[in-house]
Amino acid sequence: MISHKFYPRKPVVLLIIILLSSFINISYASDDLEEVTLQLRWYHQFQFAGYYAALEKGYYRDAGLKVNIAEGGIFDTVEKVVSSEAEYGASNSEIVIHRLEGKPVVVLAVIFQHSAHVLMAIEGSGINSPQDLFDKKIWIPSRVRNAELFAMIANEGVSLSQIENIYENTPKINYVDPDAHVYSGYLTNEPFI
């Protein structure tokens, strides 16, 4: 989760308040609640269950917050936070790139310990590791939004100049496109598609 409103020490205080509020019954009148928006990274689905459960159980309310959970999509969550359209946002490792670019965002919590981003190939294609990507056509949107995939490829010794990313030519995903050898996806749902 990210925010542009806090400085490095304040998120720790906010997290402590949220954690303590689950043990201490703090009651706020509805007029005392600070209204904030939590911008999701993607469409409403199970990966955000913790946010919905916290809302339903009253954890945000107990911390003095009225939280509106906004559905994500194919846009940059960080930009929604930086432009003040949302106070908080769910993001992935690209938050580091945004911070390096000078955007005033900080990480408040790490929810997933491992990225759900994966590269998928058709079984029997002979592609079993990043080293098998040489001279292959891959489909990965946005270097920023999928930073960990590009970092993994580079870390495995595959130069981005040795593969062809066909996303710009075919922005709509088509898992049966014979021109693509590898697709990026989210482990939670796309392998099942």
N, C-alpha and C. Protein backbone atom coordinates (compact mmCIF):
# COMPACT_ATOMS: atom_id res chain seq x y z
N MET A 1 0.84 -1.15 0.00
CA MET A 1 0.00 0.00 0.00
C MET A 1 0.90 1.22 0.00
N ILE A 2 0.50 2.28 -0.70
CA ILE A 2 1.32 3.48 -0.83
C ILE A 2 0.52 4.72 -0.45
N SER A 3 1.22 5.78 -0.15
CA SER A 3 0.58 7.04 0.15
C SER A 3 1.55 8.16 -0.15
N HIS A 4 1.02 9.33 -0.52
CA HIS A 4 1.87 10.48 -0.74
C HIS A 4 1.79 11.47 0.42
N LYS A 5 0.93 11.24 1.37
CA LYS A 5 0.69 12.21 2.43
C LYS A 5 1.60 12.05 3.64
N PHE A 6 2.33 10.96 3.73
CA PHE A 6 3.09 10.68 4.92
C PHE A 6 4.58 10.78 4.68
N TYR A 7 5.28 11.09 5.71
CA TYR A 7 6.73 11.07 5.68
C TYR A 7 7.18 9.77 6.33
N PRO A 8 8.43 9.36 6.14
CA PRO A 8 8.85 8.03 6.57
C PRO A 8 8.46 7.60 7.98
N ARG A 9 8.38 8.50 8.95
CA ARG A 9 8.06 8.07 10.31
C ARG A 9 6.55 7.94 10.55
N LYS A 10 5.75 8.71 9.89
CA LYS A 10 4.32 8.67 10.12
C LYS A 10 3.65 7.35 9.73
N PRO A 11 4.06 6.65 8.64
CA PRO A 11 3.40 5.38 8.33
C PRO A 11 3.51 4.36 9.46
N VAL A 12 4.62 4.37 10.15
CA VAL A 12 4.79 3.44 11.25
C VAL A 12 3.75 3.72 12.32
N VAL A 13 3.52 5.00 12.60
CA VAL A 13 2.51 5.38 13.59
C VAL A 13 1.14 4.93 13.12
N LEU A 14 0.81 5.15 11.84
CA LEU A 14 -0.49 4.75 11.31
C LEU A 14 -0.67 3.23 11.42
N LEU A 15 0.35 2.48 11.06
CA LEU A 15 0.24 1.03 11.14
C LEU A 15 0.05 0.57 12.58
N ILE A 16 0.75 1.19 13.50
CA ILE A 16 0.61 0.84 14.91
C ILE A 16 -0.81 1.14 15.38
N ILE A 17 -1.36 2.27 14.97
CA ILE A 17 -2.73 2.63 15.36
C ILE A 17 -3.71 1.60 14.81
N ILE A 18 -3.54 1.21 13.53
CA ILE A 18 -4.44 0.22 12.94
C ILE A 18 -4.32 -1.11 13.66
N LEU A 19 -3.10 -1.53 13.95
CA LEU A 19 -2.91 -2.79 14.65
C LEU A 19 -3.48 -2.74 16.06
N LEU A 20 -3.23 -1.65 16.77
CA LEU A 20 -3.75 -1.53 18.13
C LEU A 20 -5.27 -1.46 18.15
N SER A 21 -5.84 -0.83 17.11
CA SER A 21 -7.29 -0.70 17.11
C SER A 21 -7.98 -2.05 17.01
N SER A 22 -7.29 -3.06 16.52
CA SER A 22 -7.91 -4.38 16.47
C SER A 22 -7.95 -5.02 17.85
N PHE A 23 -7.16 -4.49 18.78
CA PHE A 23 -7.15 -5.03 20.15
C PHE A 23 -7.90 -4.12 21.13
N ILE A 24 -7.99 -2.86 20.80
CA ILE A 24 -8.63 -1.88 21.68
C ILE A 24 -9.88 -1.36 20.97
N ASN A 25 -10.98 -1.33 21.64
CA ASN A 25 -12.21 -0.86 21.04
C ASN A 25 -12.27 0.66 21.13
N ILE A 26 -11.90 1.32 20.04
CA ILE A 26 -11.95 2.79 19.98
C ILE A 26 -13.19 3.14 19.17
N SER A 27 -14.03 3.98 19.71
CA SER A 27 -15.26 4.34 19.03
C SER A 27 -15.20 5.79 18.57
N TYR A 28 -15.49 6.02 17.30
CA TYR A 28 -15.53 7.36 16.73
C TYR A 28 -16.93 7.65 16.24
N ALA A 29 -17.38 8.87 16.45
CA ALA A 29 -18.63 9.28 15.85
C ALA A 29 -18.39 9.40 14.35
N SER A 30 -19.41 9.17 13.54
CA SER A 30 -19.23 9.19 12.09
C SER A 30 -18.70 10.53 11.60
N ASP A 31 -18.99 11.62 12.31
CA ASP A 31 -18.50 12.94 11.91
C ASP A 31 -17.00 13.07 12.15
N ASP A 32 -16.43 12.27 13.04
CA ASP A 32 -15.01 12.36 13.37
C ASP A 32 -14.13 11.55 12.42
N LEU A 33 -14.72 10.79 11.53
CA LEU A 33 -13.93 9.93 10.65
C LEU A 33 -13.32 10.73 9.50
N GLU A 34 -12.05 10.45 9.23
CA GLU A 34 -11.39 11.06 8.08
C GLU A 34 -11.71 10.20 6.86
N GLU A 35 -12.30 10.80 5.83
CA GLU A 35 -12.66 10.05 4.63
C GLU A 35 -11.46 9.96 3.70
N VAL A 36 -11.11 8.74 3.33
CA VAL A 36 -9.97 8.51 2.44
C VAL A 36 -10.36 7.48 1.38
N THR A 37 -9.62 7.49 0.28
CA THR A 37 -9.83 6.52 -0.78
C THR A 37 -8.61 5.62 -0.88
N LEU A 38 -8.85 4.31 -0.96
CA LEU A 38 -7.83 3.32 -1.20
C LEU A 38 -8.01 2.86 -2.65
N GLN A 39 -7.04 3.22 -3.50
CA GLN A 39 -7.10 2.86 -4.91
C GLN A 39 -6.49 1.49 -5.13
N LEU A 40 -7.31 0.55 -5.59
CA LEU A 40 -6.80 -0.79 -5.88
C LEU A 40 -6.00 -0.77 -7.17
N ARG A 41 -5.12 -1.73 -7.32
CA ARG A 41 -4.28 -1.85 -8.49
C ARG A 41 -5.04 -2.48 -9.66
N TRP A 42 -6.01 -3.31 -9.37
CA TRP A 42 -6.71 -4.04 -10.41
C TRP A 42 -8.18 -4.09 -10.06
N TYR A 43 -8.96 -4.78 -10.84
CA TYR A 43 -10.40 -4.86 -10.62
C TYR A 43 -10.70 -5.59 -9.31
N HIS A 44 -11.90 -5.37 -8.77
CA HIS A 44 -12.29 -6.03 -7.53
C HIS A 44 -12.16 -7.54 -7.70
N GLN A 45 -11.36 -8.15 -6.85
CA GLN A 45 -11.20 -9.60 -6.86
C GLN A 45 -10.57 -10.06 -5.55
N PHE A 46 -10.39 -11.36 -5.42
CA PHE A 46 -9.98 -11.95 -4.15
C PHE A 46 -8.63 -11.45 -3.64
N GLN A 47 -7.71 -11.06 -4.52
CA GLN A 47 -6.40 -10.63 -4.04
C GLN A 47 -6.49 -9.45 -3.07
N PHE A 48 -7.59 -8.75 -3.07
CA PHE A 48 -7.78 -7.60 -2.17
C PHE A 48 -8.67 -7.94 -0.98
N ALA A 49 -8.86 -9.21 -0.71
CA ALA A 49 -9.77 -9.65 0.35
C ALA A 49 -9.44 -9.04 1.70
N GLY A 50 -8.17 -8.85 2.00
CA GLY A 50 -7.79 -8.27 3.28
C GLY A 50 -8.33 -6.86 3.47
N TYR A 51 -8.31 -6.07 2.39
CA TYR A 51 -8.84 -4.71 2.47
C TYR A 51 -10.35 -4.73 2.71
N TYR A 52 -11.06 -5.61 1.99
CA TYR A 52 -12.52 -5.70 2.15
C TYR A 52 -12.86 -6.19 3.56
N ALA A 53 -12.10 -7.18 4.05
CA ALA A 53 -12.37 -7.73 5.38
C ALA A 53 -12.14 -6.67 6.45
N ALA A 54 -11.07 -5.89 6.31
CA ALA A 54 -10.79 -4.83 7.28
C ALA A 54 -11.92 -3.79 7.29
N LEU A 55 -12.45 -3.48 6.11
CA LEU A 55 -13.56 -2.54 6.02
C LEU A 55 -14.79 -3.12 6.70
N GLU A 56 -15.10 -4.38 6.38
CA GLU A 56 -16.29 -5.04 6.92
C GLU A 56 -16.21 -5.21 8.44
N LYS A 57 -15.04 -5.52 8.94
CA LYS A 57 -14.86 -5.74 10.38
C LYS A 57 -14.73 -4.43 11.17
N GLY A 58 -14.65 -3.31 10.48
CA GLY A 58 -14.61 -2.01 11.15
C GLY A 58 -13.22 -1.57 11.59
N TYR A 59 -12.16 -2.22 11.09
CA TYR A 59 -10.80 -1.85 11.51
C TYR A 59 -10.45 -0.43 11.10
N TYR A 60 -10.84 -0.03 9.90
CA TYR A 60 -10.56 1.34 9.45
C TYR A 60 -11.34 2.33 10.32
N ARG A 61 -12.60 2.04 10.52
CA ARG A 61 -13.45 2.92 11.35
C ARG A 61 -12.85 3.07 12.75
N ASP A 62 -12.39 1.95 13.31
CA ASP A 62 -11.80 1.99 14.64
C ASP A 62 -10.52 2.83 14.67
N ALA A 63 -9.89 2.97 13.53
CA ALA A 63 -8.68 3.80 13.43
C ALA A 63 -9.01 5.24 13.06
N GLY A 64 -10.32 5.56 12.96
CA GLY A 64 -10.73 6.92 12.65
C GLY A 64 -10.85 7.23 11.17
N LEU A 65 -10.96 6.20 10.35
CA LEU A 65 -11.00 6.38 8.90
C LEU A 65 -12.30 5.85 8.30
N LYS A 66 -12.84 6.60 7.36
CA LYS A 66 -13.93 6.12 6.51
C LYS A 66 -13.27 5.84 5.16
N VAL A 67 -13.09 4.56 4.84
CA VAL A 67 -12.33 4.16 3.65
C VAL A 67 -13.27 3.79 2.51
N ASN A 68 -13.04 4.43 1.37
CA ASN A 68 -13.72 4.08 0.13
C ASN A 68 -12.72 3.27 -0.69
N ILE A 69 -13.07 2.08 -1.10
CA ILE A 69 -12.18 1.24 -1.88
C ILE A 69 -12.55 1.41 -3.36
N ALA A 70 -11.61 1.98 -4.13
CA ALA A 70 -11.84 2.27 -5.55
C ALA A 70 -11.26 1.18 -6.43
N GLU A 71 -12.05 0.70 -7.36
CA GLU A 71 -11.61 -0.35 -8.27
C GLU A 71 -10.48 0.16 -9.15
N GLY A 72 -9.52 -0.72 -9.40
CA GLY A 72 -8.40 -0.39 -10.27
C GLY A 72 -8.70 -0.77 -11.70
N GLY A 73 -7.63 -0.83 -12.49
CA GLY A 73 -7.77 -1.18 -13.89
C GLY A 73 -6.45 -0.96 -14.60
N ILE A 74 -6.53 -0.66 -15.85
CA ILE A 74 -5.32 -0.46 -16.65
C ILE A 74 -4.94 1.01 -16.58
N PHE A 75 -4.47 1.42 -15.43
CA PHE A 75 -3.94 2.76 -15.22
C PHE A 75 -2.95 2.68 -14.08
N ASP A 76 -2.22 3.74 -13.86
CA ASP A 76 -1.16 3.75 -12.86
C ASP A 76 -1.73 4.18 -11.51
N THR A 77 -1.77 3.26 -10.57
CA THR A 77 -2.27 3.54 -9.23
C THR A 77 -1.48 4.66 -8.55
N VAL A 78 -0.17 4.65 -8.76
CA VAL A 78 0.68 5.68 -8.15
C VAL A 78 0.26 7.06 -8.61
N GLU A 79 -0.06 7.20 -9.89
CA GLU A 79 -0.49 8.51 -10.40
C GLU A 79 -1.79 8.96 -9.73
N LYS A 80 -2.68 8.02 -9.45
CA LYS A 80 -3.93 8.36 -8.75
C LYS A 80 -3.63 8.92 -7.35
N VAL A 81 -2.62 8.36 -6.69
CA VAL A 81 -2.24 8.82 -5.35
C VAL A 81 -1.53 10.17 -5.44
N VAL A 82 -0.56 10.28 -6.34
CA VAL A 82 0.22 11.51 -6.47
C VAL A 82 -0.68 12.68 -6.87
N SER A 83 -1.69 12.42 -7.71
CA SER A 83 -2.59 13.49 -8.16
C SER A 83 -3.69 13.79 -7.14
N SER A 84 -3.66 13.12 -5.98
CA SER A 84 -4.62 13.31 -4.90
C SER A 84 -6.03 12.80 -5.23
N GLU A 85 -6.15 11.95 -6.24
CA GLU A 85 -7.44 11.31 -6.51
C GLU A 85 -7.70 10.22 -5.47
N ALA A 86 -6.62 9.75 -4.84
CA ALA A 86 -6.72 8.75 -3.77
C ALA A 86 -5.63 9.06 -2.75
N GLU A 87 -5.91 8.78 -1.48
CA GLU A 87 -4.90 9.00 -0.44
C GLU A 87 -3.97 7.80 -0.30
N TYR A 88 -4.47 6.61 -0.62
CA TYR A 88 -3.69 5.38 -0.52
C TYR A 88 -3.88 4.56 -1.78
N GLY A 89 -2.93 3.70 -2.07
CA GLY A 89 -3.05 2.85 -3.25
C GLY A 89 -2.32 1.54 -3.06
N ALA A 90 -2.82 0.52 -3.72
CA ALA A 90 -2.13 -0.77 -3.75
C ALA A 90 -1.21 -0.75 -4.96
N SER A 91 0.01 -1.16 -4.76
CA SER A 91 1.00 -1.12 -5.83
C SER A 91 1.91 -2.33 -5.71
N ASN A 92 2.76 -2.52 -6.68
CA ASN A 92 3.75 -3.59 -6.64
C ASN A 92 5.14 -2.97 -6.58
N SER A 93 6.11 -3.72 -7.01
CA SER A 93 7.50 -3.27 -6.91
C SER A 93 7.78 -2.00 -7.71
N GLU A 94 6.90 -1.63 -8.63
CA GLU A 94 7.13 -0.41 -9.40
C GLU A 94 7.17 0.83 -8.52
N ILE A 95 6.69 0.71 -7.29
CA ILE A 95 6.73 1.85 -6.38
C ILE A 95 8.17 2.35 -6.20
N VAL A 96 9.12 1.44 -6.25
CA VAL A 96 10.54 1.82 -6.12
C VAL A 96 10.95 2.71 -7.29
N ILE A 97 10.50 2.36 -8.49
CA ILE A 97 10.83 3.18 -9.67
C ILE A 97 10.23 4.56 -9.53
N HIS A 98 8.98 4.64 -9.10
CA HIS A 98 8.32 5.94 -8.93
C HIS A 98 9.06 6.78 -7.88
N ARG A 99 9.49 6.16 -6.81
CA ARG A 99 10.24 6.88 -5.77
C ARG A 99 11.57 7.39 -6.31
N LEU A 100 12.25 6.55 -7.11
CA LEU A 100 13.52 6.95 -7.71
C LEU A 100 13.33 8.10 -8.71
N GLU A 101 12.15 8.18 -9.29
CA GLU A 101 11.82 9.28 -10.20
C GLU A 101 11.45 10.55 -9.45
N GLY A 102 11.45 10.50 -8.12
CA GLY A 102 11.19 11.69 -7.31
C GLY A 102 9.74 11.89 -6.92
N LYS A 103 8.89 10.92 -7.19
CA LYS A 103 7.49 11.06 -6.79
C LYS A 103 7.38 10.91 -5.28
N PRO A 104 6.56 11.74 -4.63
CA PRO A 104 6.47 11.76 -3.16
C PRO A 104 5.59 10.65 -2.59
N VAL A 105 6.04 9.41 -2.72
CA VAL A 105 5.30 8.27 -2.22
C VAL A 105 6.17 7.46 -1.26
N VAL A 106 5.51 6.78 -0.33
CA VAL A 106 6.21 5.90 0.60
C VAL A 106 5.45 4.59 0.71
N VAL A 107 6.16 3.54 1.05
CA VAL A 107 5.54 2.24 1.26
C VAL A 107 5.06 2.17 2.70
N LEU A 108 3.80 1.80 2.90
CA LEU A 108 3.25 1.67 4.24
C LEU A 108 3.26 0.24 4.73
N ALA A 109 3.11 -0.71 3.82
CA ALA A 109 3.08 -2.12 4.21
C ALA A 109 3.38 -2.99 3.00
N VAL A 110 4.00 -4.11 3.26
CA VAL A 110 4.22 -5.11 2.22
C VAL A 110 3.24 -6.25 2.51
N ILE A 111 2.29 -6.43 1.62
CA ILE A 111 1.24 -7.42 1.82
C ILE A 111 1.69 -8.79 1.29
N PHE A 112 2.12 -8.83 0.04
CA PHE A 112 2.62 -10.08 -0.55
C PHE A 112 4.11 -10.19 -0.33
N GLN A 113 4.58 -11.34 0.07
CA GLN A 113 6.01 -11.56 0.25
C GLN A 113 6.67 -11.98 -1.06
N HIS A 114 5.91 -12.47 -2.00
CA HIS A 114 6.42 -12.90 -3.30
C HIS A 114 5.50 -12.33 -4.37
N SER A 115 6.09 -11.91 -5.46
CA SER A 115 5.31 -11.36 -6.55
C SER A 115 4.42 -12.42 -7.17
N ALA A 116 3.22 -12.03 -7.55
CA ALA A 116 2.31 -12.93 -8.24
C ALA A 116 2.49 -12.87 -9.75
N HIS A 117 3.36 -11.95 -10.22
CA HIS A 117 3.64 -11.87 -11.65
C HIS A 117 4.44 -13.07 -12.11
N VAL A 118 4.04 -13.65 -13.23
CA VAL A 118 4.73 -14.80 -13.79
C VAL A 118 4.84 -14.63 -15.30
N LEU A 119 5.75 -15.40 -15.87
CA LEU A 119 5.81 -15.55 -17.32
C LEU A 119 5.28 -16.93 -17.65
N MET A 120 4.41 -17.01 -18.66
CA MET A 120 3.77 -18.28 -19.01
C MET A 120 4.08 -18.63 -20.46
N ALA A 121 4.35 -19.90 -20.69
CA ALA A 121 4.56 -20.42 -22.03
C ALA A 121 3.72 -21.68 -22.19
N ILE A 122 3.40 -21.99 -23.42
CA ILE A 122 2.62 -23.20 -23.70
C ILE A 122 3.48 -24.41 -23.37
N GLU A 123 2.88 -25.38 -22.69
CA GLU A 123 3.58 -26.62 -22.36
C GLU A 123 4.08 -27.27 -23.66
N GLY A 124 5.31 -27.71 -23.64
CA GLY A 124 5.91 -28.32 -24.82
C GLY A 124 6.59 -27.34 -25.74
N SER A 125 6.59 -26.07 -25.37
CA SER A 125 7.22 -25.04 -26.22
C SER A 125 8.74 -25.05 -26.12
N GLY A 126 9.26 -25.75 -25.10
CA GLY A 126 10.70 -25.75 -24.88
C GLY A 126 11.18 -24.56 -24.06
N ILE A 127 10.23 -23.73 -23.62
CA ILE A 127 10.59 -22.58 -22.79
C ILE A 127 10.34 -22.97 -21.34
N ASN A 128 11.43 -23.15 -20.60
CA ASN A 128 11.33 -23.60 -19.22
C ASN A 128 12.05 -22.68 -18.24
N SER A 129 12.80 -21.71 -18.76
CA SER A 129 13.56 -20.80 -17.90
C SER A 129 13.78 -19.50 -18.67
N PRO A 130 14.16 -18.43 -17.98
CA PRO A 130 14.42 -17.16 -18.67
C PRO A 130 15.49 -17.29 -19.76
N GLN A 131 16.45 -18.18 -19.60
CA GLN A 131 17.49 -18.34 -20.62
C GLN A 131 16.91 -18.84 -21.94
N ASP A 132 15.73 -19.45 -21.89
CA ASP A 132 15.08 -19.94 -23.10
C ASP A 132 14.36 -18.82 -23.87
N LEU A 133 14.43 -17.59 -23.37
CA LEU A 133 13.74 -16.47 -24.00
C LEU A 133 14.52 -15.83 -25.14
N PHE A 134 15.80 -16.19 -25.33
CA PHE A 134 16.60 -15.61 -26.41
C PHE A 134 15.85 -15.73 -27.73
N ASP A 135 15.76 -14.61 -28.45
CA ASP A 135 15.11 -14.56 -29.78
C ASP A 135 13.65 -14.97 -29.76
N LYS A 136 12.99 -14.85 -28.62
CA LYS A 136 11.56 -15.18 -28.52
C LYS A 136 10.74 -13.90 -28.45
N LYS A 137 9.47 -14.03 -28.78
CA LYS A 137 8.53 -12.92 -28.69
C LYS A 137 7.76 -13.05 -27.38
N ILE A 138 7.80 -12.01 -26.58
CA ILE A 138 7.11 -12.02 -25.29
C ILE A 138 6.03 -10.94 -25.29
N TRP A 139 5.08 -11.10 -24.40
CA TRP A 139 3.99 -10.13 -24.25
C TRP A 139 3.98 -9.68 -22.79
N ILE A 140 4.58 -8.50 -22.54
CA ILE A 140 4.59 -7.94 -21.18
C ILE A 140 4.25 -6.46 -21.29
N PRO A 141 3.13 -6.03 -20.70
CA PRO A 141 2.80 -4.61 -20.70
C PRO A 141 3.75 -3.81 -19.81
N SER A 142 3.93 -2.58 -20.11
CA SER A 142 4.59 -1.55 -19.29
C SER A 142 5.78 -2.02 -18.45
N ARG A 143 6.92 -1.48 -18.76
CA ARG A 143 8.11 -1.81 -17.98
C ARG A 143 7.97 -1.39 -16.52
N VAL A 144 7.29 -0.29 -16.29
CA VAL A 144 7.16 0.18 -14.90
C VAL A 144 6.22 -0.74 -14.13
N ARG A 145 5.05 -1.01 -14.68
CA ARG A 145 4.04 -1.80 -13.97
C ARG A 145 4.48 -3.25 -13.77
N ASN A 146 5.38 -3.74 -14.60
CA ASN A 146 5.86 -5.12 -14.52
C ASN A 146 7.37 -5.15 -14.28
N ALA A 147 7.83 -4.22 -13.47
CA ALA A 147 9.27 -4.05 -13.24
C ALA A 147 9.94 -5.34 -12.77
N GLU A 148 9.28 -6.10 -11.92
CA GLU A 148 9.93 -7.31 -11.39
C GLU A 148 10.16 -8.37 -12.47
N LEU A 149 9.29 -8.41 -13.49
CA LEU A 149 9.51 -9.37 -14.57
C LEU A 149 10.73 -8.99 -15.40
N PHE A 150 10.84 -7.71 -15.72
CA PHE A 150 12.00 -7.26 -16.49
C PHE A 150 13.29 -7.40 -15.67
N ALA A 151 13.20 -7.15 -14.37
CA ALA A 151 14.37 -7.33 -13.50
C ALA A 151 14.77 -8.80 -13.44
N MET A 152 13.79 -9.69 -13.37
CA MET A 152 14.08 -11.13 -13.33
C MET A 152 14.77 -11.57 -14.62
N ILE A 153 14.26 -11.10 -15.76
CA ILE A 153 14.85 -11.46 -17.05
C ILE A 153 16.30 -10.98 -17.11
N ALA A 154 16.53 -9.73 -16.74
CA ALA A 154 17.89 -9.19 -16.76
C ALA A 154 18.79 -9.91 -15.76
N ASN A 155 18.27 -10.22 -14.59
CA ASN A 155 19.04 -10.91 -13.56
C ASN A 155 19.48 -12.31 -14.01
N GLU A 156 18.70 -12.90 -14.90
CA GLU A 156 19.01 -14.23 -15.40
C GLU A 156 19.94 -14.19 -16.61
N GLY A 157 20.46 -13.00 -16.92
CA GLY A 157 21.45 -12.89 -17.99
C GLY A 157 20.88 -12.73 -19.38
N VAL A 158 19.60 -12.44 -19.48
CA VAL A 158 18.97 -12.25 -20.79
C VAL A 158 18.84 -10.75 -21.02
N SER A 159 19.48 -10.27 -22.08
CA SER A 159 19.40 -8.85 -22.41
C SER A 159 18.05 -8.57 -23.06
N LEU A 160 17.45 -7.45 -22.72
CA LEU A 160 16.16 -7.10 -23.30
C LEU A 160 16.27 -6.89 -24.81
N SER A 161 17.47 -6.64 -25.30
CA SER A 161 17.65 -6.50 -26.75
C SER A 161 17.63 -7.85 -27.45
N GLN A 162 17.69 -8.94 -26.70
CA GLN A 162 17.71 -10.29 -27.27
C GLN A 162 16.32 -10.92 -27.33
N ILE A 163 15.32 -10.19 -26.87
CA ILE A 163 13.94 -10.66 -26.95
C ILE A 163 13.10 -9.56 -27.57
N GLU A 164 11.95 -9.92 -28.07
CA GLU A 164 11.06 -8.93 -28.68
C GLU A 164 9.77 -8.87 -27.87
N ASN A 165 9.50 -7.70 -27.31
CA ASN A 165 8.25 -7.52 -26.59
C ASN A 165 7.20 -7.04 -27.58
N ILE A 166 6.22 -7.87 -27.88
CA ILE A 166 5.21 -7.55 -28.89
C ILE A 166 4.00 -6.83 -28.30
N TYR A 167 4.08 -6.43 -27.03
CA TYR A 167 2.92 -5.79 -26.40
C TYR A 167 2.48 -4.54 -27.15
N GLU A 168 3.43 -3.73 -27.58
CA GLU A 168 3.07 -2.47 -28.25
C GLU A 168 2.27 -2.72 -29.51
N ASN A 169 2.52 -3.83 -30.19
CA ASN A 169 1.81 -4.15 -31.43
C ASN A 169 0.49 -4.88 -31.18
N THR A 170 0.37 -5.54 -30.03
CA THR A 170 -0.84 -6.30 -29.71
C THR A 170 -1.21 -6.06 -28.25
N PRO A 171 -1.69 -4.84 -27.91
CA PRO A 171 -1.95 -4.53 -26.50
C PRO A 171 -3.06 -5.36 -25.86
N LYS A 172 -3.93 -5.97 -26.63
CA LYS A 172 -4.97 -6.82 -26.05
C LYS A 172 -4.43 -8.24 -25.93
N ILE A 173 -4.52 -8.81 -24.75
CA ILE A 173 -3.96 -10.14 -24.52
C ILE A 173 -4.75 -11.19 -25.31
N ASN A 174 -4.01 -12.09 -25.95
CA ASN A 174 -4.60 -13.16 -26.71
C ASN A 174 -3.73 -14.39 -26.47
N TYR A 175 -4.14 -15.24 -25.56
CA TYR A 175 -3.32 -16.37 -25.15
C TYR A 175 -3.11 -17.41 -26.26
N VAL A 176 -3.85 -17.30 -27.34
CA VAL A 176 -3.66 -18.25 -28.43
C VAL A 176 -2.97 -17.61 -29.64
N ASP A 177 -2.44 -16.41 -29.47
CA ASP A 177 -1.72 -15.72 -30.55
C ASP A 177 -0.46 -16.50 -30.89
N PRO A 178 -0.36 -17.01 -32.11
CA PRO A 178 0.83 -17.81 -32.46
C PRO A 178 2.10 -16.97 -32.55
N ASP A 179 1.97 -15.65 -32.58
CA ASP A 179 3.16 -14.79 -32.66
C ASP A 179 3.86 -14.65 -31.31
N ALA A 180 3.16 -14.93 -30.22
CA ALA A 180 3.76 -14.77 -28.89
C ALA A 180 4.22 -16.13 -28.37
N HIS A 181 5.43 -16.16 -27.83
CA HIS A 181 5.96 -17.38 -27.23
C HIS A 181 5.71 -17.41 -25.72
N VAL A 182 5.69 -16.21 -25.11
CA VAL A 182 5.56 -16.10 -23.66
C VAL A 182 4.64 -14.92 -23.33
N TYR A 183 3.80 -15.12 -22.31
CA TYR A 183 2.92 -14.06 -21.82
C TYR A 183 3.20 -13.78 -20.36
N SER A 184 3.03 -12.52 -19.99
CA SER A 184 3.07 -12.22 -18.56
C SER A 184 1.66 -12.40 -18.01
N GLY A 185 1.57 -12.69 -16.76
CA GLY A 185 0.26 -12.84 -16.15
C GLY A 185 0.37 -12.84 -14.64
N TYR A 186 -0.77 -12.94 -14.01
CA TYR A 186 -0.84 -12.99 -12.56
C TYR A 186 -1.13 -14.42 -12.17
N LEU A 187 -0.32 -14.98 -11.30
CA LEU A 187 -0.40 -16.39 -10.91
C LEU A 187 -1.77 -16.76 -10.34
N THR A 188 -2.48 -15.77 -9.77
CA THR A 188 -3.74 -16.05 -9.11
C THR A 188 -4.88 -16.38 -10.05
N ASN A 189 -4.79 -15.97 -11.34
CA ASN A 189 -5.91 -16.26 -12.22
C ASN A 189 -5.53 -16.57 -13.67
N GLU A 190 -4.53 -15.95 -14.24
CA GLU A 190 -4.28 -16.13 -15.66
C GLU A 190 -3.81 -17.52 -16.09
N PRO A 191 -3.08 -18.27 -15.31
CA PRO A 191 -2.78 -19.64 -15.76
C PRO A 191 -4.05 -20.48 -15.98
N PHE A 192 -5.12 -20.16 -15.28
CA PHE A 192 -6.37 -20.91 -15.42
C PHE A 192 -7.11 -20.54 -16.70
N ILE A 193 -6.88 -19.30 -17.17
CA ILE A 193 -7.51 -18.86 -18.43
C ILE A 193 -6.93 -19.66 -19.57
